[in-house]
Amino acid sequence: MSIPTSRTKTNGEIHINPELCKGCRLCVSVCKDFNLAIENKKVVKTATSIFGCIGCGHCMAICPNGAIQITGRTMSPDDLYDLPLRKSAASYDTLLSLLQRRRSVREFKDKDIEPEIIERIIEAASTAPMGLPPSDVNILVINGKDKANAFAKDFSQYLKSLKFMTSGVFLTVMRPFWGKENDEMFRGFINPLFKAYIGEMEKGNNYINYDAPLLMYFYGTPYSDPADPIIAATYAMIAGESLGLGTCMLGAVHPFIQSGRKAKKFREDHKIKYKSREGLFVAFGYPAVKYAKGIKRTFASVETL
């Protein structure tokens, strides 16, 4: 039985050209599902696969002679490309500099982002690793300040219908069910957040997406690995920084549009196809401010075994 996704529910097909195979075993070494073996110095398909071909493409990508092709699970030999030369890739120091330069920007110029820039961000984000291919990450692109602000206004109105979640009575009732930490988060973060989002929007101040000219929402499906949308969004933010844009994660939108009939209607109204265990909105725009310094960050803990 194949591993199901929202895009396919069949296995990939492995096609072997024995005349091109030199028996180097590279494909066997990278296939972690035991689909391949060497017999009589030639690669062959096995009957010992765990899941069947999942369409990762490793065997096709590593074969130096083009003896293997994969089709199905949205993949074909046409998807192969030559890897960029190592000398053209970013060094660690170059990559670290890019990452260190990125800060969460919430002040944007009143300037549209060119379509080709958006395409390059999506192209970079599409290279993000995933739990299981093919990617089940979906992207909603809200392009233009007016459209992004309209989305923020709709979200503010939607939050008004959920204000009961910030009432003292509701929080007191829910505390035994969701625990101390969630109670602290709602009282110390969610409650003030509701007031800021709704109250400031009524004053004409958009604290939801900060008047950004571009929003991208990365979300999954009921089949996707929860980490996949977050990794893709991270790649998009790094790409945006490399293209001269400021970026900011908007983590407070996704959780509120997942559960209930009102959330379902909000998703449908904004062409969001699925509810998703994890997801992330990212704001993009040309920064209106320039930071002179960075701030060193640390992890909560690092344990070495």
C-alpha atoms as a PDB file:
ATOM      1  CA  MET A   1       0.000   0.000   0.000  1.00  0.00           C
ATOM      2  CA  SER A   2       1.338   3.435  -0.921  1.00  0.00           C
ATOM      3  CA  ILE A   3       1.732   6.345   1.461  1.00  0.00           C
ATOM      4  CA  PRO A   4      -1.219   8.689   0.821  1.00  0.00           C
ATOM      5  CA  THR A   5      -0.957  12.446   0.359  1.00  0.00           C
ATOM      6  CA  SER A   6      -3.443  15.043  -0.843  1.00  0.00           C
ATOM      7  CA  ARG A   7      -1.784  14.928  -4.269  1.00  0.00           C
ATOM      8  CA  THR A   8      -1.337  11.220  -4.878  1.00  0.00           C
ATOM      9  CA  LYS A   9      -2.232   7.878  -3.376  1.00  0.00           C
ATOM     10  CA  THR A  10      -0.164   5.640  -5.625  1.00  0.00           C
ATOM     11  CA  ASN A  11       3.464   4.504  -5.556  1.00  0.00           C
ATOM     12  CA  GLY A  12       6.147   5.775  -7.837  1.00  0.00           C
ATOM     13  CA  GLU A  13       7.263   3.594 -10.719  1.00  0.00           C
ATOM     14  CA  ILE A  14      10.927   2.598 -11.007  1.00  0.00           C
ATOM     15  CA  HIS A  15      12.192   2.130 -14.560  1.00  0.00           C
ATOM     16  CA  ILE A  16      15.617   0.485 -15.031  1.00  0.00           C
ATOM     17  CA  ASN A  17      17.672   0.397 -18.215  1.00  0.00           C
ATOM     18  CA  PRO A  18      20.031  -2.550 -17.618  1.00  0.00           C
ATOM     19  CA  GLU A  19      22.160  -1.629 -20.614  1.00  0.00           C
ATOM     20  CA  LEU A  20      23.146   1.630 -18.903  1.00  0.00           C
ATOM     21  CA  CYS A  21      23.658   0.137 -15.437  1.00  0.00           C
ATOM     22  CA  LYS A  22      27.310  -0.398 -14.409  1.00  0.00           C
ATOM     23  CA  GLY A  23      26.527  -2.030 -11.087  1.00  0.00           C
ATOM     24  CA  CYS A  24      28.071   0.757  -8.989  1.00  0.00           C
ATOM     25  CA  ARG A  25      25.512   0.261  -6.146  1.00  0.00           C
ATOM     26  CA  LEU A  26      25.050   3.984  -5.557  1.00  0.00           C
ATOM     27  CA  CYS A  27      21.296   3.729  -6.080  1.00  0.00           C
ATOM     28  CA  VAL A  28      21.070   0.795  -3.686  1.00  0.00           C
ATOM     29  CA  SER A  29      22.946   2.717  -1.003  1.00  0.00           C
ATOM     30  CA  VAL A  30      20.614   5.749  -1.107  1.00  0.00           C
ATOM     31  CA  CYS A  31      17.278   3.913  -1.345  1.00  0.00           C
ATOM     32  CA  LYS A  32      16.244   3.525   2.295  1.00  0.00           C
ATOM     33  CA  ASP A  33      13.080   1.648   1.395  1.00  0.00           C
ATOM     34  CA  PHE A  34      14.941  -1.403   0.033  1.00  0.00           C
ATOM     35  CA  ASN A  35      13.446  -1.075  -3.434  1.00  0.00           C
ATOM     36  CA  LEU A  36      16.715  -1.916  -5.213  1.00  0.00           C
ATOM     37  CA  ALA A  37      19.394  -4.606  -5.145  1.00  0.00           C
ATOM     38  CA  ILE A  38      22.294  -5.754  -7.293  1.00  0.00           C
ATOM     39  CA  GLU A  39      22.004  -9.090  -9.066  1.00  0.00           C
ATOM     40  CA  ASN A  40      24.546 -10.287 -11.609  1.00  0.00           C
ATOM     41  CA  LYS A  41      26.215  -6.864 -11.413  1.00  0.00           C
ATOM     42  CA  LYS A  42      23.023  -5.077 -12.445  1.00  0.00           C
ATOM     43  CA  VAL A  43      20.435  -3.175 -10.417  1.00  0.00           C
ATOM     44  CA  VAL A  44      17.019  -4.805 -10.102  1.00  0.00           C
ATOM     45  CA  LYS A  45      13.806  -4.054  -8.256  1.00  0.00           C
ATOM     46  CA  THR A  46      13.123  -6.056  -5.118  1.00  0.00           C
ATOM     47  CA  ALA A  47      10.010  -7.409  -3.444  1.00  0.00           C
ATOM     48  CA  THR A  48      11.184  -6.351   0.042  1.00  0.00           C
ATOM     49  CA  SER A  49      10.168  -2.701  -0.035  1.00  0.00           C
ATOM     50  CA  ILE A  50       8.526  -1.332   3.099  1.00  0.00           C
ATOM     51  CA  PHE A  51       6.249   1.280   1.516  1.00  0.00           C
ATOM     52  CA  GLY A  52       6.886   1.010  -2.195  1.00  0.00           C
ATOM     53  CA  CYS A  53       8.603   3.804  -4.096  1.00  0.00           C
ATOM     54  CA  ILE A  54       7.737   7.106  -2.362  1.00  0.00           C
ATOM     55  CA  GLY A  55       9.135   9.216  -5.192  1.00  0.00           C
ATOM     56  CA  CYS A  56      12.094  10.775  -3.379  1.00  0.00           C
ATOM     57  CA  GLY A  57      14.127  10.519  -6.599  1.00  0.00           C
ATOM     58  CA  HIS A  58      17.429   9.777  -4.855  1.00  0.00           C
ATOM     59  CA  CYS A  59      18.234   6.773  -7.020  1.00  0.00           C
ATOM     60  CA  MET A  60      17.517   8.684 -10.218  1.00  0.00           C
ATOM     61  CA  ALA A  61      19.505  11.708  -9.052  1.00  0.00           C
ATOM     62  CA  ILE A  62      22.604   9.758  -7.994  1.00  0.00           C
ATOM     63  CA  CYS A  63      22.958   7.402 -10.955  1.00  0.00           C
ATOM     64  CA  PRO A  64      25.944   8.597 -13.024  1.00  0.00           C
ATOM     65  CA  ASN A  65      24.748   6.798 -16.136  1.00  0.00           C
ATOM     66  CA  GLY A  66      21.029   7.606 -16.250  1.00  0.00           C
ATOM     67  CA  ALA A  67      20.070   3.962 -15.778  1.00  0.00           C
ATOM     68  CA  ILE A  68      17.117   4.711 -13.478  1.00  0.00           C
ATOM     69  CA  GLN A  69      14.043   6.823 -14.044  1.00  0.00           C
ATOM     70  CA  ILE A  70      11.161   7.476 -11.649  1.00  0.00           C
ATOM     71  CA  THR A  71       7.647   8.372 -12.716  1.00  0.00           C
ATOM     72  CA  GLY A  72       4.527   8.935 -10.658  1.00  0.00           C
ATOM     73  CA  ARG A  73       3.876  10.693  -7.327  1.00  0.00           C
ATOM     74  CA  THR A  74       4.125  13.963  -9.341  1.00  0.00           C
ATOM     75  CA  MET A  75       7.680  13.093 -10.446  1.00  0.00           C
ATOM     76  CA  SER A  76       9.205  12.477 -13.862  1.00  0.00           C
ATOM     77  CA  PRO A  77      12.720  12.416 -15.378  1.00  0.00           C
ATOM     78  CA  ASP A  78      12.040  15.932 -16.647  1.00  0.00           C
ATOM     79  CA  ASP A  79      12.358  17.131 -13.032  1.00  0.00           C
ATOM     80  CA  LEU A  80      16.074  16.347 -12.963  1.00  0.00           C
ATOM     81  CA  TYR A  81      18.516  19.247 -13.175  1.00  0.00           C
ATOM     82  CA  ASP A  82      22.279  19.559 -12.897  1.00  0.00           C
ATOM     83  CA  LEU A  83      23.363  20.521  -9.406  1.00  0.00           C
ATOM     84  CA  PRO A  84      25.059  23.938  -9.193  1.00  0.00           C
ATOM     85  CA  LEU A  85      28.810  23.695  -8.782  1.00  0.00           C
ATOM     86  CA  ARG A  86      30.055  23.683  -5.211  1.00  0.00           C
ATOM     87  CA  LYS A  87      32.117  26.808  -5.854  1.00  0.00           C
ATOM     88  CA  SER A  88      28.923  28.727  -6.711  1.00  0.00           C
ATOM     89  CA  ALA A  89      27.234  27.809  -3.437  1.00  0.00           C
ATOM     90  CA  ALA A  90      27.317  30.074  -0.392  1.00  0.00           C
ATOM     91  CA  SER A  91      30.125  29.451   2.060  1.00  0.00           C
ATOM     92  CA  TYR A  92      29.314  29.062   5.741  1.00  0.00           C
ATOM     93  CA  ASP A  93      30.516  32.600   6.430  1.00  0.00           C
ATOM     94  CA  THR A  94      28.403  34.012   3.593  1.00  0.00           C
ATOM     95  CA  LEU A  95      25.337  32.107   4.754  1.00  0.00           C
ATOM     96  CA  LEU A  96      25.873  33.140   8.374  1.00  0.00           C
ATOM     97  CA  SER A  97      26.164  36.778   7.301  1.00  0.00           C
ATOM     98  CA  LEU A  98      22.843  36.534   5.475  1.00  0.00           C
ATOM     99  CA  LEU A  99      21.158  34.943   8.484  1.00  0.00           C
ATOM    100  CA  GLN A 100      22.646  37.468  10.883  1.00  0.00           C
ATOM    101  CA  ARG A 101      21.450  40.373   8.738  1.00  0.00           C
ATOM    102  CA  ARG A 102      17.850  39.183   8.791  1.00  0.00           C
ATOM    103  CA  ARG A 103      15.689  40.776  11.445  1.00  0.00           C
ATOM    104  CA  SER A 104      11.934  40.826  11.846  1.00  0.00           C
ATOM    105  CA  VAL A 105      10.885  43.927   9.943  1.00  0.00           C
ATOM    106  CA  ARG A 106       7.490  45.510  10.614  1.00  0.00           C
ATOM    107  CA  GLU A 107       8.019  48.838   8.861  1.00  0.00           C
ATOM    108  CA  PHE A 108       7.657  48.660   5.108  1.00  0.00           C
ATOM    109  CA  LYS A 109       7.918  51.131   2.247  1.00  0.00           C
ATOM    110  CA  ASP A 110       4.740  51.803   0.294  1.00  0.00           C
ATOM    111  CA  LYS A 111       6.134  49.897  -2.665  1.00  0.00           C
ATOM    112  CA  ASP A 112       4.821  46.854  -4.466  1.00  0.00           C
ATOM    113  CA  ILE A 113       6.961  43.750  -4.790  1.00  0.00           C
ATOM    114  CA  GLU A 114       7.714  42.795  -8.368  1.00  0.00           C
ATOM    115  CA  PRO A 115       6.144  39.560  -9.667  1.00  0.00           C
ATOM    116  CA  GLU A 116       9.558  38.155 -10.573  1.00  0.00           C
ATOM    117  CA  ILE A 117      10.704  38.611  -6.973  1.00  0.00           C
ATOM    118  CA  ILE A 118       7.674  36.684  -5.735  1.00  0.00           C
ATOM    119  CA  GLU A 119       8.413  33.904  -8.228  1.00  0.00           C
ATOM    120  CA  ARG A 120      12.012  33.680  -6.988  1.00  0.00           C
ATOM    121  CA  ILE A 121      10.893  33.443  -3.367  1.00  0.00           C
ATOM    122  CA  ILE A 122       8.527  30.586  -4.227  1.00  0.00           C
ATOM    123  CA  GLU A 123      11.220  28.874  -6.307  1.00  0.00           C
ATOM    124  CA  ALA A 124      13.628  28.979  -3.362  1.00  0.00           C
ATOM    125  CA  ALA A 125      10.978  27.841  -0.880  1.00  0.00           C
ATOM    126  CA  SER A 126      10.080  24.876  -3.103  1.00  0.00           C
ATOM    127  CA  THR A 127      13.543  23.397  -2.449  1.00  0.00           C
ATOM    128  CA  ALA A 128      12.716  22.950   1.253  1.00  0.00           C
ATOM    129  CA  PRO A 129      12.959  19.363   2.522  1.00  0.00           C
ATOM    130  CA  MET A 130       9.770  17.569   3.456  1.00  0.00           C
ATOM    131  CA  GLY A 131       8.734  14.615   5.562  1.00  0.00           C
ATOM    132  CA  LEU A 132       7.443  12.587   2.618  1.00  0.00           C
ATOM    133  CA  PRO A 133       7.268  13.516  -1.056  1.00  0.00           C
ATOM    134  CA  PRO A 134       5.477  14.976  -2.843  1.00  0.00           C
ATOM    135  CA  SER A 135       5.222  18.175  -0.851  1.00  0.00           C
ATOM    136  CA  ASP A 136       1.823  18.759   0.719  1.00  0.00           C
ATOM    137  CA  VAL A 137       2.625  22.405   1.437  1.00  0.00           C
ATOM    138  CA  ASN A 138       0.201  24.964   0.016  1.00  0.00           C
ATOM    139  CA  ILE A 139       0.913  28.665  -0.372  1.00  0.00           C
ATOM    140  CA  LEU A 140      -1.615  31.468  -0.340  1.00  0.00           C
ATOM    141  CA  VAL A 141      -0.090  34.588  -1.906  1.00  0.00           C
ATOM    142  CA  ILE A 142      -1.752  37.889  -1.021  1.00  0.00           C
ATOM    143  CA  ASN A 143      -0.032  40.366  -3.296  1.00  0.00           C
ATOM    144  CA  GLY A 144      -0.540  44.096  -2.848  1.00  0.00           C
ATOM    145  CA  LYS A 145      -0.964  46.361   0.156  1.00  0.00           C
ATOM    146  CA  ASP A 146      -4.689  46.863  -0.424  1.00  0.00           C
ATOM    147  CA  LYS A 147      -5.362  43.119  -0.566  1.00  0.00           C
ATOM    148  CA  ALA A 148      -3.183  42.457   2.478  1.00  0.00           C
ATOM    149  CA  ASN A 149      -4.960  45.181   4.436  1.00  0.00           C
ATOM    150  CA  ALA A 150      -8.343  43.833   3.387  1.00  0.00           C
ATOM    151  CA  PHE A 151      -7.292  40.435   4.709  1.00  0.00           C
ATOM    152  CA  ALA A 152      -6.217  42.043   8.000  1.00  0.00           C
ATOM    153  CA  LYS A 153      -9.567  43.805   8.338  1.00  0.00           C
ATOM    154  CA  ASP A 154     -11.438  40.571   7.685  1.00  0.00           C
ATOM    155  CA  PHE A 155      -9.305  38.798  10.266  1.00  0.00           C
ATOM    156  CA  SER A 156      -9.958  41.565  12.794  1.00  0.00           C
ATOM    157  CA  GLN A 157     -13.705  41.223  12.267  1.00  0.00           C
ATOM    158  CA  TYR A 158     -13.379  37.462  12.576  1.00  0.00           C
ATOM    159  CA  LEU A 159     -11.530  37.841  15.895  1.00  0.00           C
ATOM    160  CA  LYS A 160     -14.413  39.905  17.256  1.00  0.00           C
ATOM    161  CA  SER A 161     -16.573  36.803  17.049  1.00  0.00           C
ATOM    162  CA  LEU A 162     -14.009  34.959  19.203  1.00  0.00           C
ATOM    163  CA  LYS A 163     -13.654  37.551  21.957  1.00  0.00           C
ATOM    164  CA  PHE A 164     -15.369  35.215  24.398  1.00  0.00           C
ATOM    165  CA  MET A 165     -12.050  33.327  24.467  1.00  0.00           C
ATOM    166  CA  THR A 166     -10.431  36.210  26.336  1.00  0.00           C
ATOM    167  CA  SER A 167     -13.115  36.622  28.991  1.00  0.00           C
ATOM    168  CA  GLY A 168     -12.238  35.911  32.589  1.00  0.00           C
ATOM    169  CA  VAL A 169     -15.069  33.408  32.941  1.00  0.00           C
ATOM    170  CA  PHE A 170     -13.961  31.413  29.875  1.00  0.00           C
ATOM    171  CA  LEU A 171     -10.325  31.332  30.995  1.00  0.00           C
ATOM    172  CA  THR A 172     -11.282  30.245  34.497  1.00  0.00           C
ATOM    173  CA  VAL A 173     -13.442  27.429  33.147  1.00  0.00           C
ATOM    174  CA  MET A 174     -10.787  26.254  30.674  1.00  0.00           C
ATOM    175  CA  ARG A 175      -7.779  26.372  32.984  1.00  0.00           C
ATOM    176  CA  PRO A 176      -8.275  22.850  34.410  1.00  0.00           C
ATOM    177  CA  PHE A 177      -8.568  21.455  30.870  1.00  0.00           C
ATOM    178  CA  TRP A 178      -5.640  23.087  29.113  1.00  0.00           C
ATOM    179  CA  GLY A 179      -3.294  23.655  32.044  1.00  0.00           C
ATOM    180  CA  LYS A 180      -1.218  26.372  33.611  1.00  0.00           C
ATOM    181  CA  GLU A 181       0.956  27.210  30.614  1.00  0.00           C
ATOM    182  CA  ASN A 182      -1.956  27.757  28.223  1.00  0.00           C
ATOM    183  CA  ASP A 183      -3.737  29.816  30.857  1.00  0.00           C
ATOM    184  CA  GLU A 184      -0.674  32.014  31.273  1.00  0.00           C
ATOM    185  CA  MET A 185      -0.329  32.390  27.505  1.00  0.00           C
ATOM    186  CA  PHE A 186      -3.965  33.416  27.072  1.00  0.00           C
ATOM    187  CA  ARG A 187      -3.894  35.909  29.931  1.00  0.00           C
ATOM    188  CA  GLY A 188      -0.459  37.321  29.172  1.00  0.00           C
ATOM    189  CA  PHE A 189      -0.370  37.158  25.368  1.00  0.00           C
ATOM    190  CA  ILE A 190      -3.629  36.260  23.630  1.00  0.00           C
ATOM    191  CA  ASN A 191      -5.826  38.640  25.621  1.00  0.00           C
ATOM    192  CA  PRO A 192      -3.640  41.710  24.945  1.00  0.00           C
ATOM    193  CA  LEU A 193      -3.174  40.543  21.355  1.00  0.00           C
ATOM    194  CA  PHE A 194      -6.923  40.517  20.725  1.00  0.00           C
ATOM    195  CA  LYS A 195      -7.197  44.044  22.106  1.00  0.00           C
ATOM    196  CA  ALA A 196      -4.309  45.283  19.969  1.00  0.00           C
ATOM    197  CA  TYR A 197      -5.454  43.605  16.761  1.00  0.00           C
ATOM    198  CA  ILE A 198      -9.092  44.640  17.049  1.00  0.00           C
ATOM    199  CA  GLY A 199      -8.738  47.967  18.824  1.00  0.00           C
ATOM    200  CA  GLU A 200      -5.903  49.311  16.708  1.00  0.00           C
ATOM    201  CA  MET A 201      -7.530  48.179  13.471  1.00  0.00           C
ATOM    202  CA  GLU A 202     -10.581  50.235  14.421  1.00  0.00           C
ATOM    203  CA  LYS A 203      -8.243  53.223  14.772  1.00  0.00           C
ATOM    204  CA  GLY A 204      -6.751  52.547  11.347  1.00  0.00           C
ATOM    205  CA  ASN A 205      -3.546  50.931  12.636  1.00  0.00           C
ATOM    206  CA  ASN A 206      -2.809  47.539  11.125  1.00  0.00           C
ATOM    207  CA  TYR A 207      -0.921  45.533  13.726  1.00  0.00           C
ATOM    208  CA  ILE A 208      -1.933  42.247  12.107  1.00  0.00           C
ATOM    209  CA  ASN A 209       0.351  42.418   9.080  1.00  0.00           C
ATOM    210  CA  TYR A 210       1.815  45.925   9.446  1.00  0.00           C
ATOM    211  CA  ASP A 211       0.666  47.195   6.030  1.00  0.00           C
ATOM    212  CA  ALA A 212       3.029  44.770   4.313  1.00  0.00           C
ATOM    213  CA  PRO A 213       2.667  44.738   0.509  1.00  0.00           C
ATOM    214  CA  LEU A 214       2.979  40.946   0.341  1.00  0.00           C
ATOM    215  CA  LEU A 215       1.748  38.100   2.527  1.00  0.00           C
ATOM    216  CA  MET A 216       2.431  34.417   2.031  1.00  0.00           C
ATOM    217  CA  TYR A 217       0.657  31.757   4.046  1.00  0.00           C
ATOM    218  CA  PHE A 218       2.354  28.364   4.154  1.00  0.00           C
ATOM    219  CA  TYR A 219       0.091  25.562   5.323  1.00  0.00           C
ATOM    220  CA  GLY A 220      -0.290  21.819   5.013  1.00  0.00           C
ATOM    221  CA  THR A 221      -3.019  19.236   4.586  1.00  0.00           C
ATOM    222  CA  PRO A 222      -4.355  16.479   6.852  1.00  0.00           C
ATOM    223  CA  TYR A 223      -1.635  14.240   5.372  1.00  0.00           C
ATOM    224  CA  SER A 224       1.383  16.531   5.653  1.00  0.00           C
ATOM    225  CA  ASP A 225       4.187  16.498   8.168  1.00  0.00           C
ATOM    226  CA  PRO A 226       3.487  19.385  10.584  1.00  0.00           C
ATOM    227  CA  ALA A 227       7.023  20.720  10.127  1.00  0.00           C
ATOM    228  CA  ASP A 228       6.828  21.042   6.335  1.00  0.00           C
ATOM    229  CA  PRO A 229       5.025  24.426   6.092  1.00  0.00           C
ATOM    230  CA  ILE A 230       7.327  25.961   8.727  1.00  0.00           C
ATOM    231  CA  ILE A 231      10.481  24.838   6.932  1.00  0.00           C
ATOM    232  CA  ALA A 232       9.190  26.143   3.599  1.00  0.00           C
ATOM    233  CA  ALA A 233       8.268  29.475   5.208  1.00  0.00           C
ATOM    234  CA  THR A 234      11.763  29.705   6.688  1.00  0.00           C
ATOM    235  CA  TYR A 235      13.332  29.154   3.285  1.00  0.00           C
ATOM    236  CA  ALA A 236      11.060  31.879   1.909  1.00  0.00           C
ATOM    237  CA  MET A 237      12.190  34.332   4.600  1.00  0.00           C
ATOM    238  CA  ILE A 238      15.843  33.638   3.856  1.00  0.00           C
ATOM    239  CA  ALA A 239      15.173  34.077   0.136  1.00  0.00           C
ATOM    240  CA  GLY A 240      13.409  37.357   0.832  1.00  0.00           C
ATOM    241  CA  GLU A 241      16.395  38.632   2.793  1.00  0.00           C
ATOM    242  CA  SER A 242      18.739  37.680  -0.052  1.00  0.00           C
ATOM    243  CA  LEU A 243      16.545  39.691  -2.449  1.00  0.00           C
ATOM    244  CA  GLY A 244      16.628  42.852  -0.350  1.00  0.00           C
ATOM    245  CA  LEU A 245      13.276  42.426   1.363  1.00  0.00           C
ATOM    246  CA  GLY A 246      12.347  42.686   5.003  1.00  0.00           C
ATOM    247  CA  THR A 247      10.370  39.773   6.412  1.00  0.00           C
ATOM    248  CA  CYS A 248       8.384  38.993   9.538  1.00  0.00           C
ATOM    249  CA  MET A 249       6.692  35.838  10.796  1.00  0.00           C
ATOM    250  CA  LEU A 250       3.048  36.401  11.720  1.00  0.00           C
ATOM    251  CA  GLY A 251       2.484  33.475  14.024  1.00  0.00           C
ATOM    252  CA  ALA A 252      -0.760  34.602  15.651  1.00  0.00           C
ATOM    253  CA  VAL A 253      -3.038  34.250  12.609  1.00  0.00           C
ATOM    254  CA  HIS A 254      -2.781  30.541  11.797  1.00  0.00           C
ATOM    255  CA  PRO A 255      -3.956  29.056  15.142  1.00  0.00           C
ATOM    256  CA  PHE A 256      -7.227  30.990  15.108  1.00  0.00           C
ATOM    257  CA  ILE A 257      -8.386  29.876  11.674  1.00  0.00           C
ATOM    258  CA  GLN A 258      -8.221  26.110  12.237  1.00  0.00           C
ATOM    259  CA  SER A 259     -11.146  24.977  14.382  1.00  0.00           C
ATOM    260  CA  GLY A 260     -14.879  25.495  14.159  1.00  0.00           C
ATOM    261  CA  ARG A 261     -17.466  26.530  11.593  1.00  0.00           C
ATOM    262  CA  LYS A 262     -16.429  30.179  11.629  1.00  0.00           C
ATOM    263  CA  ALA A 263     -12.824  29.226  10.975  1.00  0.00           C
ATOM    264  CA  LYS A 264     -13.892  26.987   8.104  1.00  0.00           C
ATOM    265  CA  LYS A 265     -15.872  29.814   6.527  1.00  0.00           C
ATOM    266  CA  PHE A 266     -12.944  32.217   6.952  1.00  0.00           C
ATOM    267  CA  ARG A 267     -10.653  29.742   5.206  1.00  0.00           C
ATOM    268  CA  GLU A 268     -13.128  29.233   2.388  1.00  0.00           C
ATOM    269  CA  ASP A 269     -13.611  32.985   1.957  1.00  0.00           C
ATOM    270  CA  HIS A 270      -9.852  33.406   1.534  1.00  0.00           C
ATOM    271  CA  LYS A 271      -9.223  30.357  -0.669  1.00  0.00           C
ATOM    272  CA  ILE A 272      -7.371  28.435   2.037  1.00  0.00           C
ATOM    273  CA  LYS A 273      -7.896  24.828   1.007  1.00  0.00           C
ATOM    274  CA  TYR A 274      -7.272  22.938   4.232  1.00  0.00           C
ATOM    275  CA  LYS A 275      -7.065  23.208   7.955  1.00  0.00           C
ATOM    276  CA  SER A 276      -3.488  22.499   8.939  1.00  0.00           C
ATOM    277  CA  ARG A 277      -1.832  21.352  12.141  1.00  0.00           C
ATOM    278  CA  GLU A 278       0.939  23.874  11.582  1.00  0.00           C
ATOM    279  CA  GLY A 279       1.169  26.879   9.308  1.00  0.00           C
ATOM    280  CA  LEU A 280       2.745  30.285   9.110  1.00  0.00           C
ATOM    281  CA  PHE A 281       1.998  33.672   7.572  1.00  0.00           C
ATOM    282  CA  VAL A 282       5.029  35.664   6.468  1.00  0.00           C
ATOM    283  CA  ALA A 283       4.997  39.380   5.668  1.00  0.00           C
ATOM    284  CA  PHE A 284       7.347  40.696   2.979  1.00  0.00           C
ATOM    285  CA  GLY A 285       8.208  44.213   1.897  1.00  0.00           C
ATOM    286  CA  TYR A 286      10.983  46.644   1.162  1.00  0.00           C
ATOM    287  CA  PRO A 287      12.151  47.761   4.614  1.00  0.00           C
ATOM    288  CA  ALA A 288      11.529  51.359   5.613  1.00  0.00           C
ATOM    289  CA  VAL A 289      14.118  51.143   8.391  1.00  0.00           C
ATOM    290  CA  LYS A 290      17.755  50.094   8.561  1.00  0.00           C
ATOM    291  CA  TYR A 291      19.178  48.379  11.605  1.00  0.00           C
ATOM    292  CA  ALA A 292      22.733  49.233  12.621  1.00  0.00           C
ATOM    293  CA  LYS A 293      23.253  46.289  14.954  1.00  0.00           C
ATOM    294  CA  GLY A 294      22.180  42.698  15.374  1.00  0.00           C
ATOM    295  CA  ILE A 295      21.224  40.988  18.614  1.00  0.00           C
ATOM    296  CA  LYS A 296      22.689  37.639  19.580  1.00  0.00           C
ATOM    297  CA  ARG A 297      20.118  34.923  20.197  1.00  0.00           C
ATOM    298  CA  THR A 298      20.472  31.756  22.222  1.00  0.00           C
ATOM    299  CA  PHE A 299      18.652  28.450  22.557  1.00  0.00           C
ATOM    300  CA  ALA A 300      16.847  27.430  25.711  1.00  0.00           C
ATOM    301  CA  SER A 301      19.286  24.558  26.080  1.00  0.00           C
ATOM    302  CA  VAL A 302      21.849  22.541  24.146  1.00  0.00           C
ATOM    303  CA  GLU A 303      22.598  19.063  25.510  1.00  0.00           C
ATOM    304  CA  THR A 304      25.345  16.895  24.060  1.00  0.00           C
ATOM    305  CA  LEU A 305      25.107  13.111  24.419  1.00  0.00           C
END
